[in-house]
């Protein structure tokens, strides 16, 4: 699981006008809630937040959020719950963070990457990928960034199901284990019958 640090300050101003003034000085309003904590209104540096989110590129990540208030600082482990962007420019206008416990199981959707070339394809078979991601449950730091499956030994008329994926210890597969992820099938040969010959007309 990817991990990053973010910093924020407690926000004491509210409303559309206040939010607009924050953005004018390079700050974005945000909020953190969850994990039995009271919601906390925040303000964050837009450039820092945007640069960090670009590194993540919509992958699963856990953030250590350092929240400053006056001279004190507290830290929470969070995930991005929702990002609001300006429709035209795409600029970030608000961020919602969900506070989590690193010891409590959480549900994640994790990509599945297939590596290698199936030997069945070299034998003329047709490969079809049915599953690009699976649902896993576990402690956040036990969840892998992605699952990888070597398909080089997959022959013609063979398949791999979710049960054949390598799931890390302490992590539970929530997707149906019998779901076919990838298969190689015998190519379908279509026989096209030749059109019957038409006799030419006799010349007069």
N, C-alpha and C. Protein backbone atom coordinates (compact mmCIF):
# COMPACT_ATOMS: atom_id res chain seq x y z
N UNK A 1 0.84 -1.19 0.00
CA UNK A 1 0.00 0.00 0.00
C UNK A 1 0.88 1.25 0.00
N UNK A 2 0.57 2.17 -0.90
CA UNK A 2 1.31 3.42 -0.96
C UNK A 2 1.05 4.25 0.30
N UNK A 3 2.07 4.96 0.76
CA UNK A 3 1.94 5.83 1.94
C UNK A 3 2.54 7.19 1.64
N UNK A 4 1.84 8.24 2.06
CA UNK A 4 2.30 9.61 1.85
C UNK A 4 1.98 10.44 3.08
N UNK A 5 2.68 11.57 3.21
CA UNK A 5 2.43 12.53 4.28
C UNK A 5 1.74 13.77 3.70
N UNK A 6 0.80 14.32 4.46
CA UNK A 6 0.15 15.57 4.11
C UNK A 6 0.07 16.45 5.35
N UNK A 7 0.06 17.75 5.14
CA UNK A 7 -0.07 18.68 6.25
C UNK A 7 -1.33 19.52 6.07
N UNK A 8 -1.92 19.92 7.18
CA UNK A 8 -3.13 20.74 7.16
C UNK A 8 -3.18 21.59 8.41
N UNK A 9 -3.99 22.62 8.35
CA UNK A 9 -4.26 23.45 9.52
C UNK A 9 -5.75 23.44 9.79
N UNK A 10 -6.10 23.58 11.07
CA UNK A 10 -7.51 23.67 11.44
C UNK A 10 -8.09 24.95 10.85
N UNK A 11 -9.26 24.83 10.22
CA UNK A 11 -9.91 25.97 9.58
C UNK A 11 -11.03 26.51 10.47
N UNK A 12 -11.03 27.83 10.65
CA UNK A 12 -12.04 28.48 11.50
C UNK A 12 -12.98 29.39 10.73
N UNK A 13 -12.82 29.46 9.41
CA UNK A 13 -13.70 30.29 8.58
C UNK A 13 -14.53 29.38 7.68
N UNK A 14 -15.78 29.75 7.44
CA UNK A 14 -16.69 28.87 6.71
C UNK A 14 -17.50 29.69 5.70
N UNK A 15 -18.15 28.97 4.80
CA UNK A 15 -18.98 29.63 3.80
C UNK A 15 -18.27 29.77 2.47
N UNK A 16 -19.06 30.08 1.42
CA UNK A 16 -18.50 30.20 0.08
C UNK A 16 -17.51 31.34 -0.03
N UNK A 17 -17.80 32.46 0.63
CA UNK A 17 -16.89 33.60 0.56
C UNK A 17 -15.55 33.28 1.19
N UNK A 18 -15.59 32.61 2.34
CA UNK A 18 -14.35 32.25 3.03
C UNK A 18 -13.56 31.25 2.19
N UNK A 19 -14.26 30.30 1.58
CA UNK A 19 -13.58 29.31 0.74
C UNK A 19 -12.92 29.99 -0.45
N UNK A 20 -13.60 30.95 -1.02
CA UNK A 20 -13.05 31.68 -2.17
C UNK A 20 -11.78 32.44 -1.76
N UNK A 21 -11.81 33.04 -0.60
CA UNK A 21 -10.62 33.78 -0.13
C UNK A 21 -9.45 32.84 0.13
N UNK A 22 -9.74 31.62 0.63
CA UNK A 22 -8.68 30.64 0.85
C UNK A 22 -8.00 30.28 -0.46
N UNK A 23 -8.82 30.02 -1.48
CA UNK A 23 -8.25 29.61 -2.77
C UNK A 23 -7.43 30.73 -3.40
N UNK A 24 -7.79 31.97 -3.11
CA UNK A 24 -7.03 33.10 -3.66
C UNK A 24 -5.62 33.15 -3.10
N UNK A 25 -5.40 32.58 -1.93
CA UNK A 25 -4.06 32.56 -1.33
C UNK A 25 -3.43 31.17 -1.40
N UNK A 26 -3.98 30.31 -2.29
CA UNK A 26 -3.36 29.00 -2.52
C UNK A 26 -3.73 27.92 -1.53
N UNK A 27 -4.86 28.08 -0.86
CA UNK A 27 -5.30 27.08 0.11
C UNK A 27 -6.63 26.47 -0.32
N UNK A 28 -6.84 25.22 0.04
CA UNK A 28 -8.09 24.54 -0.29
C UNK A 28 -8.79 24.13 1.00
N UNK A 29 -10.11 24.35 1.09
CA UNK A 29 -10.84 23.82 2.24
C UNK A 29 -10.92 22.30 2.16
N UNK A 30 -10.95 21.67 3.33
CA UNK A 30 -11.03 20.21 3.41
C UNK A 30 -11.70 19.85 4.72
N UNK A 31 -12.04 18.58 4.86
CA UNK A 31 -12.64 18.10 6.10
C UNK A 31 -12.16 16.67 6.35
N UNK A 32 -11.99 16.31 7.60
CA UNK A 32 -11.65 14.95 7.99
C UNK A 32 -12.72 14.44 8.95
N UNK A 33 -13.16 13.20 8.74
CA UNK A 33 -14.16 12.61 9.63
C UNK A 33 -13.95 11.10 9.68
N UNK A 34 -14.69 10.44 10.59
CA UNK A 34 -14.61 8.99 10.69
C UNK A 34 -13.74 8.52 11.83
N UNK A 35 -13.71 7.17 12.00
CA UNK A 35 -12.90 6.51 13.02
C UNK A 35 -13.17 7.06 14.42
N UNK A 36 -14.47 7.29 14.69
CA UNK A 36 -14.92 7.73 16.01
C UNK A 36 -14.34 9.09 16.41
N UNK A 37 -14.02 9.92 15.41
CA UNK A 37 -13.52 11.27 15.70
C UNK A 37 -14.54 12.29 15.20
N UNK A 38 -14.60 13.41 15.87
CA UNK A 38 -15.47 14.49 15.43
C UNK A 38 -14.94 15.07 14.11
N UNK A 39 -15.82 15.46 13.18
CA UNK A 39 -15.35 16.08 11.94
C UNK A 39 -14.48 17.31 12.24
N UNK A 40 -13.41 17.45 11.48
CA UNK A 40 -12.49 18.56 11.65
C UNK A 40 -12.40 19.32 10.33
N UNK A 41 -12.70 20.62 10.35
CA UNK A 41 -12.57 21.45 9.16
C UNK A 41 -11.11 21.86 9.00
N UNK A 42 -10.60 21.73 7.77
CA UNK A 42 -9.18 21.94 7.52
C UNK A 42 -8.96 22.91 6.37
N UNK A 43 -7.76 23.42 6.29
CA UNK A 43 -7.29 24.15 5.11
C UNK A 43 -5.92 23.61 4.76
N UNK A 44 -5.69 23.38 3.44
CA UNK A 44 -4.48 22.71 2.99
C UNK A 44 -3.88 23.45 1.81
N UNK A 45 -2.57 23.36 1.68
CA UNK A 45 -1.87 23.97 0.56
C UNK A 45 -2.27 23.24 -0.73
N UNK A 46 -2.87 23.96 -1.67
CA UNK A 46 -3.37 23.33 -2.89
C UNK A 46 -2.24 22.69 -3.69
N UNK A 47 -1.09 23.35 -3.79
CA UNK A 47 0.01 22.83 -4.60
C UNK A 47 0.53 21.52 -4.01
N UNK A 48 0.73 21.49 -2.68
CA UNK A 48 1.23 20.27 -2.04
C UNK A 48 0.23 19.12 -2.22
N UNK A 49 -1.04 19.41 -2.00
CA UNK A 49 -2.06 18.37 -2.11
C UNK A 49 -2.17 17.86 -3.54
N UNK A 50 -2.19 18.76 -4.51
CA UNK A 50 -2.30 18.34 -5.91
C UNK A 50 -1.10 17.52 -6.34
N UNK A 51 0.11 17.93 -5.97
CA UNK A 51 1.32 17.18 -6.34
C UNK A 51 1.31 15.78 -5.75
N UNK A 52 0.84 15.65 -4.52
CA UNK A 52 0.78 14.33 -3.89
C UNK A 52 -0.25 13.45 -4.58
N UNK A 53 -1.40 14.01 -4.90
CA UNK A 53 -2.44 13.24 -5.57
C UNK A 53 -2.00 12.80 -6.96
N UNK A 54 -1.18 13.61 -7.63
CA UNK A 54 -0.66 13.22 -8.94
C UNK A 54 0.26 12.01 -8.83
N UNK A 55 0.98 11.89 -7.73
CA UNK A 55 1.85 10.72 -7.52
C UNK A 55 1.02 9.46 -7.33
N UNK A 56 -0.15 9.62 -6.73
CA UNK A 56 -1.00 8.46 -6.45
C UNK A 56 -1.72 7.99 -7.71
N UNK A 57 -2.19 8.94 -8.52
CA UNK A 57 -2.87 8.63 -9.77
C UNK A 57 -4.00 7.62 -9.57
N UNK A 58 -4.91 7.91 -8.63
CA UNK A 58 -6.11 7.13 -8.38
C UNK A 58 -5.84 5.73 -7.83
N UNK A 59 -4.62 5.47 -7.37
CA UNK A 59 -4.35 4.18 -6.74
C UNK A 59 -4.69 4.26 -5.26
N UNK A 60 -4.78 3.09 -4.63
CA UNK A 60 -5.06 3.07 -3.19
C UNK A 60 -3.85 3.60 -2.43
N UNK A 61 -4.11 4.43 -1.45
CA UNK A 61 -3.02 4.99 -0.65
C UNK A 61 -3.52 5.35 0.75
N UNK A 62 -2.61 5.27 1.71
CA UNK A 62 -2.87 5.73 3.07
C UNK A 62 -2.01 6.96 3.32
N UNK A 63 -2.64 8.00 3.86
CA UNK A 63 -1.93 9.25 4.13
C UNK A 63 -1.81 9.46 5.63
N UNK A 64 -0.65 9.93 6.06
CA UNK A 64 -0.49 10.41 7.42
C UNK A 64 -0.74 11.90 7.38
N UNK A 65 -1.86 12.31 7.95
CA UNK A 65 -2.28 13.71 7.90
C UNK A 65 -1.83 14.42 9.18
N UNK A 66 -0.93 15.37 9.02
CA UNK A 66 -0.40 16.15 10.15
C UNK A 66 -1.25 17.42 10.27
N UNK A 67 -2.05 17.50 11.32
CA UNK A 67 -2.96 18.63 11.51
C UNK A 67 -2.39 19.56 12.58
N UNK A 68 -2.21 20.83 12.18
CA UNK A 68 -1.65 21.82 13.10
C UNK A 68 -2.75 22.76 13.59
N UNK A 69 -2.74 23.00 14.88
CA UNK A 69 -3.64 23.99 15.48
C UNK A 69 -2.86 24.75 16.53
N UNK A 70 -2.71 26.04 16.30
CA UNK A 70 -1.86 26.87 17.17
C UNK A 70 -0.45 26.28 17.18
N UNK A 71 0.05 25.91 18.35
CA UNK A 71 1.40 25.34 18.43
C UNK A 71 1.39 23.83 18.57
N UNK A 72 0.22 23.22 18.48
CA UNK A 72 0.11 21.77 18.65
C UNK A 72 -0.07 21.08 17.29
N UNK A 73 0.27 19.79 17.26
CA UNK A 73 0.10 19.00 16.04
C UNK A 73 -0.37 17.60 16.40
N UNK A 74 -1.37 17.12 15.70
CA UNK A 74 -1.84 15.75 15.87
C UNK A 74 -1.81 15.06 14.51
N UNK A 75 -1.66 13.75 14.52
CA UNK A 75 -1.57 12.99 13.28
C UNK A 75 -2.69 11.96 13.21
N UNK A 76 -3.25 11.80 12.03
CA UNK A 76 -4.27 10.79 11.78
C UNK A 76 -3.92 10.05 10.48
N UNK A 77 -4.23 8.78 10.45
CA UNK A 77 -4.11 8.02 9.20
C UNK A 77 -5.43 8.14 8.47
N UNK A 78 -5.37 8.54 7.21
CA UNK A 78 -6.60 8.83 6.47
C UNK A 78 -6.50 8.27 5.05
N UNK A 79 -7.67 8.19 4.42
CA UNK A 79 -7.78 7.90 2.99
C UNK A 79 -8.59 9.01 2.35
N UNK A 80 -8.38 9.23 1.07
CA UNK A 80 -9.18 10.21 0.35
C UNK A 80 -10.56 9.62 0.10
N UNK A 81 -11.58 10.31 0.59
CA UNK A 81 -12.96 9.85 0.41
C UNK A 81 -13.59 10.49 -0.82
N UNK A 82 -13.36 11.79 -1.00
CA UNK A 82 -13.95 12.48 -2.15
C UNK A 82 -13.14 13.73 -2.46
N UNK A 83 -13.00 14.00 -3.76
CA UNK A 83 -12.35 15.22 -4.22
C UNK A 83 -13.34 15.99 -5.09
N UNK A 84 -13.49 17.27 -4.81
CA UNK A 84 -14.36 18.12 -5.63
C UNK A 84 -13.48 19.04 -6.47
N UNK A 85 -13.78 19.08 -7.76
CA UNK A 85 -12.99 19.89 -8.68
C UNK A 85 -13.88 20.87 -9.42
N UNK A 86 -13.26 21.97 -9.86
CA UNK A 86 -13.97 22.95 -10.67
C UNK A 86 -14.25 22.33 -12.04
N UNK A 87 -15.51 22.37 -12.49
CA UNK A 87 -15.89 21.64 -13.70
C UNK A 87 -15.09 21.99 -14.95
N UNK A 88 -14.75 23.25 -15.12
CA UNK A 88 -14.08 23.68 -16.35
C UNK A 88 -12.57 23.49 -16.28
N UNK A 89 -11.95 24.04 -15.25
CA UNK A 89 -10.48 23.99 -15.15
C UNK A 89 -9.97 22.70 -14.52
N UNK A 90 -10.83 22.00 -13.75
CA UNK A 90 -10.39 20.80 -13.05
C UNK A 90 -9.62 21.10 -11.78
N UNK A 91 -9.54 22.36 -11.38
CA UNK A 91 -8.82 22.74 -10.17
C UNK A 91 -9.50 22.18 -8.93
N UNK A 92 -8.71 21.77 -7.98
CA UNK A 92 -9.23 21.21 -6.74
C UNK A 92 -9.91 22.31 -5.91
N UNK A 93 -11.13 22.03 -5.45
CA UNK A 93 -11.85 23.03 -4.66
C UNK A 93 -12.19 22.52 -3.25
N UNK A 94 -12.17 21.20 -3.04
CA UNK A 94 -12.47 20.67 -1.70
C UNK A 94 -12.02 19.22 -1.63
N UNK A 95 -11.60 18.79 -0.45
CA UNK A 95 -11.17 17.40 -0.24
C UNK A 95 -11.80 16.86 1.03
N UNK A 96 -12.30 15.61 0.95
CA UNK A 96 -12.83 14.91 2.11
C UNK A 96 -11.90 13.75 2.44
N UNK A 97 -11.51 13.66 3.71
CA UNK A 97 -10.64 12.58 4.17
C UNK A 97 -11.36 11.73 5.19
N UNK A 98 -11.18 10.41 5.08
CA UNK A 98 -11.77 9.47 6.03
C UNK A 98 -10.67 8.96 6.95
N UNK A 99 -10.81 9.23 8.25
CA UNK A 99 -9.84 8.74 9.22
C UNK A 99 -10.03 7.24 9.41
N UNK A 100 -8.94 6.49 9.46
CA UNK A 100 -8.99 5.04 9.59
C UNK A 100 -8.02 4.58 10.67
N UNK A 101 -8.21 3.35 11.12
CA UNK A 101 -7.26 2.69 12.01
C UNK A 101 -6.43 1.72 11.19
N UNK A 102 -5.12 1.73 11.39
CA UNK A 102 -4.26 0.81 10.66
C UNK A 102 -4.44 -0.63 11.13
N UNK A 103 -5.14 -0.82 12.25
CA UNK A 103 -5.34 -2.17 12.78
C UNK A 103 -6.71 -2.74 12.43
N UNK A 104 -7.59 -1.93 11.87
CA UNK A 104 -8.94 -2.40 11.54
C UNK A 104 -9.01 -2.74 10.05
N UNK A 105 -9.69 -3.84 9.69
CA UNK A 105 -9.79 -4.22 8.28
C UNK A 105 -10.62 -3.22 7.48
N UNK A 106 -10.19 -2.97 6.26
CA UNK A 106 -10.86 -2.06 5.35
C UNK A 106 -10.99 -2.76 4.00
N UNK A 107 -12.03 -2.42 3.26
CA UNK A 107 -12.27 -3.03 1.95
C UNK A 107 -11.66 -2.15 0.85
N UNK A 108 -10.89 -2.78 -0.04
CA UNK A 108 -10.23 -2.07 -1.14
C UNK A 108 -10.49 -2.81 -2.45
N UNK A 109 -10.59 -2.07 -3.54
CA UNK A 109 -10.57 -2.64 -4.88
C UNK A 109 -9.15 -2.55 -5.41
N UNK A 110 -8.56 -3.69 -5.77
CA UNK A 110 -7.15 -3.76 -6.12
C UNK A 110 -6.99 -4.25 -7.56
N UNK A 111 -6.17 -3.58 -8.37
CA UNK A 111 -5.96 -4.03 -9.76
C UNK A 111 -5.26 -5.39 -9.82
N UNK A 112 -5.53 -6.12 -10.91
CA UNK A 112 -4.85 -7.38 -11.18
C UNK A 112 -4.06 -7.22 -12.47
N UNK A 113 -2.75 -7.47 -12.40
CA UNK A 113 -1.89 -7.38 -13.58
C UNK A 113 -1.48 -8.78 -14.01
N UNK A 114 -1.68 -9.10 -15.28
CA UNK A 114 -1.27 -10.39 -15.83
C UNK A 114 0.04 -10.20 -16.59
N UNK A 115 1.05 -11.02 -16.24
CA UNK A 115 2.37 -10.87 -16.85
C UNK A 115 2.73 -12.15 -17.59
N UNK A 116 3.59 -12.01 -18.58
CA UNK A 116 4.00 -13.15 -19.38
C UNK A 116 3.06 -13.37 -20.56
N UNK A 117 3.48 -14.26 -21.45
CA UNK A 117 2.66 -14.62 -22.60
C UNK A 117 2.18 -16.05 -22.45
N UNK A 118 0.88 -16.23 -22.45
CA UNK A 118 0.31 -17.57 -22.28
C UNK A 118 0.78 -18.49 -23.40
N UNK A 119 1.28 -19.68 -23.01
CA UNK A 119 1.78 -20.61 -24.04
C UNK A 119 0.67 -21.04 -24.98
N UNK A 120 -0.58 -21.00 -24.48
CA UNK A 120 -1.70 -21.38 -25.33
C UNK A 120 -1.89 -20.42 -26.50
N UNK A 121 -1.49 -19.15 -26.30
CA UNK A 121 -1.59 -18.18 -27.39
C UNK A 121 -0.59 -18.53 -28.48
N UNK A 122 0.61 -18.98 -28.07
CA UNK A 122 1.61 -19.40 -29.05
C UNK A 122 1.19 -20.63 -29.82
N UNK A 123 0.23 -21.38 -29.27
CA UNK A 123 -0.29 -22.58 -29.93
C UNK A 123 -1.53 -22.27 -30.75
N UNK A 124 -1.85 -20.99 -30.88
CA UNK A 124 -2.97 -20.58 -31.71
C UNK A 124 -4.24 -20.28 -30.97
N UNK A 125 -4.22 -20.34 -29.63
CA UNK A 125 -5.42 -20.08 -28.85
C UNK A 125 -5.73 -18.60 -28.73
N UNK A 126 -6.96 -18.31 -28.35
CA UNK A 126 -7.41 -16.93 -28.14
C UNK A 126 -7.51 -16.66 -26.64
N UNK A 127 -6.83 -15.63 -26.16
CA UNK A 127 -6.85 -15.29 -24.75
C UNK A 127 -7.87 -14.18 -24.48
N UNK A 128 -8.63 -14.35 -23.42
CA UNK A 128 -9.60 -13.34 -23.01
C UNK A 128 -9.40 -13.02 -21.54
N UNK A 129 -9.30 -11.73 -21.22
CA UNK A 129 -9.19 -11.28 -19.83
C UNK A 129 -10.57 -10.82 -19.38
N UNK A 130 -11.07 -11.42 -18.30
CA UNK A 130 -12.39 -11.10 -17.79
C UNK A 130 -12.35 -10.20 -16.56
N UNK A 131 -11.26 -10.25 -15.80
CA UNK A 131 -11.17 -9.53 -14.52
C UNK A 131 -9.95 -8.63 -14.53
N UNK A 132 -10.17 -7.35 -14.25
CA UNK A 132 -9.07 -6.39 -14.16
C UNK A 132 -8.79 -5.96 -12.72
N UNK A 133 -9.70 -6.26 -11.80
CA UNK A 133 -9.52 -5.89 -10.39
C UNK A 133 -10.36 -6.82 -9.53
N UNK A 134 -9.97 -6.95 -8.27
CA UNK A 134 -10.71 -7.76 -7.30
C UNK A 134 -10.88 -6.96 -6.02
N UNK A 135 -11.79 -7.42 -5.18
CA UNK A 135 -12.06 -6.74 -3.91
C UNK A 135 -11.39 -7.53 -2.79
N UNK A 136 -10.57 -6.84 -2.00
CA UNK A 136 -9.85 -7.43 -0.89
C UNK A 136 -10.23 -6.73 0.41
N UNK A 137 -10.08 -7.46 1.51
CA UNK A 137 -10.31 -6.87 2.83
C UNK A 137 -9.15 -7.23 3.74
N UNK A 138 -8.67 -6.21 4.44
CA UNK A 138 -7.55 -6.44 5.36
C UNK A 138 -7.10 -5.14 5.98
N UNK A 139 -6.10 -5.25 6.83
CA UNK A 139 -5.53 -4.03 7.41
C UNK A 139 -4.88 -3.23 6.28
N UNK A 140 -5.05 -1.91 6.31
CA UNK A 140 -4.60 -1.08 5.16
C UNK A 140 -3.19 -1.35 4.70
N UNK A 141 -2.25 -1.48 5.61
CA UNK A 141 -0.86 -1.64 5.19
C UNK A 141 -0.56 -3.06 4.73
N UNK A 142 -1.49 -3.99 4.91
CA UNK A 142 -1.32 -5.35 4.40
C UNK A 142 -1.85 -5.51 2.99
N UNK A 143 -2.64 -4.53 2.54
CA UNK A 143 -3.23 -4.60 1.20
C UNK A 143 -2.17 -4.23 0.16
N UNK A 144 -1.94 -5.08 -0.86
CA UNK A 144 -0.95 -4.75 -1.88
C UNK A 144 -1.44 -3.65 -2.81
N UNK A 145 -0.50 -2.98 -3.44
CA UNK A 145 -0.87 -1.95 -4.42
C UNK A 145 -1.59 -2.59 -5.61
N UNK A 146 -1.17 -3.80 -5.97
CA UNK A 146 -1.81 -4.56 -7.05
C UNK A 146 -1.46 -6.04 -6.87
N UNK A 147 -2.22 -6.90 -7.52
CA UNK A 147 -1.91 -8.32 -7.57
C UNK A 147 -1.31 -8.63 -8.93
N UNK A 148 -0.34 -9.54 -8.95
CA UNK A 148 0.31 -9.92 -10.19
C UNK A 148 0.17 -11.43 -10.40
N UNK A 149 -0.21 -11.81 -11.61
CA UNK A 149 -0.37 -13.24 -11.94
C UNK A 149 0.38 -13.57 -13.21
N UNK A 150 1.31 -14.54 -13.11
CA UNK A 150 2.07 -15.01 -14.26
C UNK A 150 1.19 -15.99 -15.05
N UNK A 151 0.94 -15.68 -16.32
CA UNK A 151 0.06 -16.53 -17.12
C UNK A 151 0.83 -17.32 -18.18
N UNK A 152 2.16 -17.36 -18.08
CA UNK A 152 2.96 -17.99 -19.13
C UNK A 152 2.68 -19.48 -19.28
N UNK A 153 2.20 -20.16 -18.22
CA UNK A 153 1.92 -21.59 -18.30
C UNK A 153 0.47 -21.90 -18.67
N UNK A 154 -0.30 -20.89 -19.00
CA UNK A 154 -1.71 -21.09 -19.33
C UNK A 154 -1.84 -21.63 -20.75
N UNK A 155 -2.37 -22.88 -20.86
CA UNK A 155 -2.48 -23.52 -22.15
C UNK A 155 -3.85 -23.34 -22.79
N UNK A 156 -4.02 -23.96 -23.94
CA UNK A 156 -5.30 -23.89 -24.65
C UNK A 156 -6.38 -24.60 -23.84
N UNK A 157 -7.55 -23.99 -23.79
CA UNK A 157 -8.70 -24.50 -23.03
C UNK A 157 -8.41 -24.59 -21.54
N UNK A 158 -7.58 -23.66 -21.06
CA UNK A 158 -7.30 -23.56 -19.63
C UNK A 158 -7.67 -22.16 -19.14
N UNK A 159 -7.83 -22.05 -17.82
CA UNK A 159 -8.25 -20.77 -17.25
C UNK A 159 -7.66 -20.60 -15.86
N UNK A 160 -7.62 -19.35 -15.42
CA UNK A 160 -7.30 -19.02 -14.03
C UNK A 160 -8.51 -18.30 -13.44
N UNK A 161 -8.89 -18.69 -12.24
CA UNK A 161 -9.99 -18.03 -11.54
C UNK A 161 -9.41 -17.15 -10.42
N UNK A 162 -10.28 -16.45 -9.73
CA UNK A 162 -9.82 -15.61 -8.62
C UNK A 162 -9.15 -16.44 -7.54
N UNK A 163 -9.54 -17.71 -7.43
CA UNK A 163 -8.92 -18.59 -6.44
C UNK A 163 -7.45 -18.86 -6.75
N UNK A 164 -7.03 -18.66 -8.01
CA UNK A 164 -5.64 -18.90 -8.41
C UNK A 164 -4.73 -17.69 -8.17
N UNK A 165 -5.31 -16.57 -7.75
CA UNK A 165 -4.50 -15.38 -7.47
C UNK A 165 -3.76 -15.54 -6.15
N UNK A 166 -2.59 -14.93 -6.08
CA UNK A 166 -1.78 -14.99 -4.86
C UNK A 166 -2.20 -13.86 -3.92
N UNK A 167 -2.97 -14.22 -2.89
CA UNK A 167 -3.46 -13.25 -1.92
C UNK A 167 -2.52 -13.22 -0.72
N UNK A 168 -2.05 -12.06 -0.30
CA UNK A 168 -1.12 -12.00 0.85
C UNK A 168 -1.75 -12.54 2.13
N UNK A 169 -0.90 -13.00 3.01
CA UNK A 169 -1.35 -13.49 4.31
C UNK A 169 -2.04 -12.37 5.07
N UNK A 170 -3.14 -12.70 5.75
CA UNK A 170 -3.87 -11.72 6.52
C UNK A 170 -4.86 -10.90 5.71
N UNK A 171 -4.94 -11.18 4.41
CA UNK A 171 -5.85 -10.46 3.53
C UNK A 171 -6.90 -11.43 3.00
N UNK A 172 -8.14 -11.00 2.96
CA UNK A 172 -9.25 -11.86 2.53
C UNK A 172 -9.75 -11.42 1.15
N UNK A 173 -9.97 -12.42 0.28
CA UNK A 173 -10.56 -12.16 -1.02
C UNK A 173 -12.07 -12.12 -0.89
N UNK A 174 -12.67 -10.98 -1.22
CA UNK A 174 -14.12 -10.85 -1.15
C UNK A 174 -14.79 -11.15 -2.49
N UNK A 175 -14.06 -11.02 -3.58
CA UNK A 175 -14.61 -11.37 -4.89
C UNK A 175 -14.87 -12.88 -4.94
N UNK A 176 -15.82 -13.29 -5.77
CA UNK A 176 -16.14 -14.70 -5.92
C UNK A 176 -14.92 -15.46 -6.42
N UNK A 177 -14.47 -16.44 -5.64
CA UNK A 177 -13.25 -17.17 -5.98
C UNK A 177 -13.39 -17.99 -7.25
N UNK A 178 -14.62 -18.30 -7.66
CA UNK A 178 -14.83 -19.10 -8.87
C UNK A 178 -14.93 -18.26 -10.14
N UNK A 179 -14.87 -16.94 -10.00
CA UNK A 179 -14.95 -16.07 -11.17
C UNK A 179 -13.71 -16.26 -12.04
N UNK A 180 -13.91 -16.47 -13.34
CA UNK A 180 -12.79 -16.64 -14.27
C UNK A 180 -12.11 -15.30 -14.51
N UNK A 181 -10.79 -15.27 -14.30
CA UNK A 181 -10.03 -14.03 -14.52
C UNK A 181 -9.52 -13.94 -15.95
N UNK A 182 -8.95 -15.04 -16.44
CA UNK A 182 -8.37 -15.06 -17.77
C UNK A 182 -8.44 -16.49 -18.30
N UNK A 183 -8.63 -16.62 -19.59
CA UNK A 183 -8.70 -17.96 -20.19
C UNK A 183 -8.12 -17.94 -21.60
N UNK A 184 -7.70 -19.11 -22.04
CA UNK A 184 -7.26 -19.30 -23.42
C UNK A 184 -8.15 -20.37 -24.02
N UNK A 185 -8.80 -20.05 -25.10
CA UNK A 185 -9.75 -20.97 -25.72
C UNK A 185 -9.30 -21.35 -27.13
N UNK A 186 -9.81 -22.49 -27.59
CA UNK A 186 -9.53 -22.92 -28.96
C UNK A 186 -10.18 -21.93 -29.93
N UNK A 187 -9.42 -21.45 -30.89
CA UNK A 187 -10.01 -20.48 -31.82
C UNK A 187 -11.17 -21.09 -32.59
N UNK A 188 -12.17 -20.29 -32.82
CA UNK A 188 -13.33 -20.73 -33.58
C UNK A 188 -13.04 -20.56 -35.06
N UNK A 189 -13.18 -21.67 -35.76
CA UNK A 189 -12.94 -21.64 -37.21
C UNK A 189 -14.29 -21.53 -37.91
N UNK A 190 -14.46 -20.52 -38.68
CA UNK A 190 -15.71 -20.31 -39.42
C UNK A 190 -15.52 -20.77 -40.85
N UNK A 191 -16.31 -21.76 -41.25
CA UNK A 191 -16.23 -22.29 -42.60
C UNK A 191 -17.24 -21.55 -43.47
N UNK A 192 -16.75 -20.93 -44.50
CA UNK A 192 -17.61 -20.19 -45.43
C UNK A 192 -17.80 -21.04 -46.67
N UNK A 193 -19.05 -21.43 -46.92
CA UNK A 193 -19.33 -22.24 -48.09
C UNK A 193 -19.27 -21.37 -49.35
N UNK A 194 -18.71 -21.96 -50.39
CA UNK A 194 -18.61 -21.23 -51.66
C UNK A 194 -19.99 -21.09 -52.27
N UNK A 195 -20.24 -19.95 -52.86
CA UNK A 195 -21.53 -19.72 -53.51
C UNK A 195 -21.64 -20.60 -54.75
N UNK A 196 -22.81 -21.18 -54.95
CA UNK A 196 -22.99 -22.04 -56.14
C UNK A 196 -22.76 -21.26 -57.42
N UNK A 197 -22.12 -21.96 -58.39
CA UNK A 197 -21.85 -21.29 -59.66
C UNK A 197 -23.15 -21.08 -60.43
N UNK A 198 -23.26 -19.98 -61.06
CA UNK A 198 -24.45 -19.70 -61.89
C UNK A 198 -24.08 -19.86 -63.35
N UNK A 199 -24.92 -20.59 -64.06
CA UNK A 199 -24.65 -20.82 -65.48
C UNK A 199 -24.91 -19.55 -66.28
N UNK A 200 -24.03 -19.27 -67.18
CA UNK A 200 -24.23 -18.10 -68.02
C UNK A 200 -25.36 -18.31 -69.03
N UNK A 201 -25.98 -17.25 -69.43
CA UNK A 201 -27.06 -17.33 -70.41
C UNK A 201 -26.49 -17.65 -71.80
N UNK A 202 -27.25 -18.48 -72.49
CA UNK A 202 -26.83 -18.82 -73.86
C UNK A 202 -26.98 -17.61 -74.77
N UNK A 203 -25.97 -17.45 -75.57
CA UNK A 203 -26.04 -16.35 -76.52
C UNK A 203 -26.96 -16.73 -77.66
N UNK A 204 -27.76 -15.80 -78.13
CA UNK A 204 -28.65 -16.04 -79.26
C UNK A 204 -27.87 -15.99 -80.57
